[in-house]
């Protein structure tokens, strides 16, 4: 395996795992599964600000990042939502994430920012679409052979 292939595999797996974790967090808050919102076993109240909206972003955009569809935009929205969470929920308690319990928010924020910069990669729906379009734009081998004979 070349270093480029290893990099593609590693960044794709990183994107998939981060997206899955965020998706599950949103599902827990929206539907009361996986222990529910903050381990209460319950779902967050429909439409409540900011909890329900944050859970919706986690569920929808986390899912999009996980499958690699609209990856850059979805990851940027996820990153921004975690920056908002850090500054509105955690930073008022202390400056540093280690002191204010904001490590998960900071890690998700910067992880999604990285994904927004690098994109979905070849192991994504976007990558499959690009490969399909590239193959369709190439002439069929029989056309190449006929042109070479002419």
Foldseek 3Di string as FASTA:
>chain_A
DDPVVVVLVVLLVLQQVLLVVLQVQLCQQQPLPPCHHVNVSDHHDPPDPPRNVSSVLSNVLSVCSNQQHVLLVSLQVQLVSLVVCCVPPFVVQDPDCVRRVSPVSVVSNVSSNVCNVVGNGCRHPVNVVVVVVVVVVDDDPVVVVVVVVD
